[in-house]
Amino acid sequence: MARCSSGSTNKGALGKKPGPGYVLRLRDTDGDGNADQINQFAKMDHPRGLFFDNPKLWVLHPPLLSVFHDEDHDGTADRQEVLIKGITTNPNAHARSRPHQTQRHSMGIDGWLYIAVGDFGFVKATAADGRQMTPRGGGVLRIRPDGRKWKSTRGA
């Protein structure tokens, strides 16, 4: 489960402090339907989407798309691998509400991750291999789970 927090001032401005986001691992060890063990799996700033495929957790937490690896299967991420940097409009994040920015992602039946990109798009997002992309507007970004290949499709 991802926890995201934000608050507003008395003048209606939205904001949050960087760093409070994290993903918890909950386990039901005795089969009663209640979590008996809870631990922090990984820490990141404002997670917006999760996809888990043991032992990896893909997290969209703009400006990053990362994979957290639990290599020793102890329920805590041992390593973070960044697949994309800059997948947001950081300098303008304060000027637009979250619905207009990069949002969720999910795994398609074709084995690609699909990312919902709000109408503000992003500028010079960079993959781990150095390739860059700048879709000017919303749409869908699809990327291989290992980050090797990515492609942008335009929205209507």
Foldseek 3Di string as FASTA:
>chain_A
DKDADWDADPVGFIDDDFWPIFDKDFDDPPPPPHGPDIDTAGTGGGWFEWDDDPPWIFTDHPVWTWIFGPPVPPRHGPDIDTFKGFFWAVVCPRVDDPQQAWHYWDADPVQKIKTWGGQCTTAFIAGPVGDTDTDRGTFIKIAHPVNPDIDTDDDD
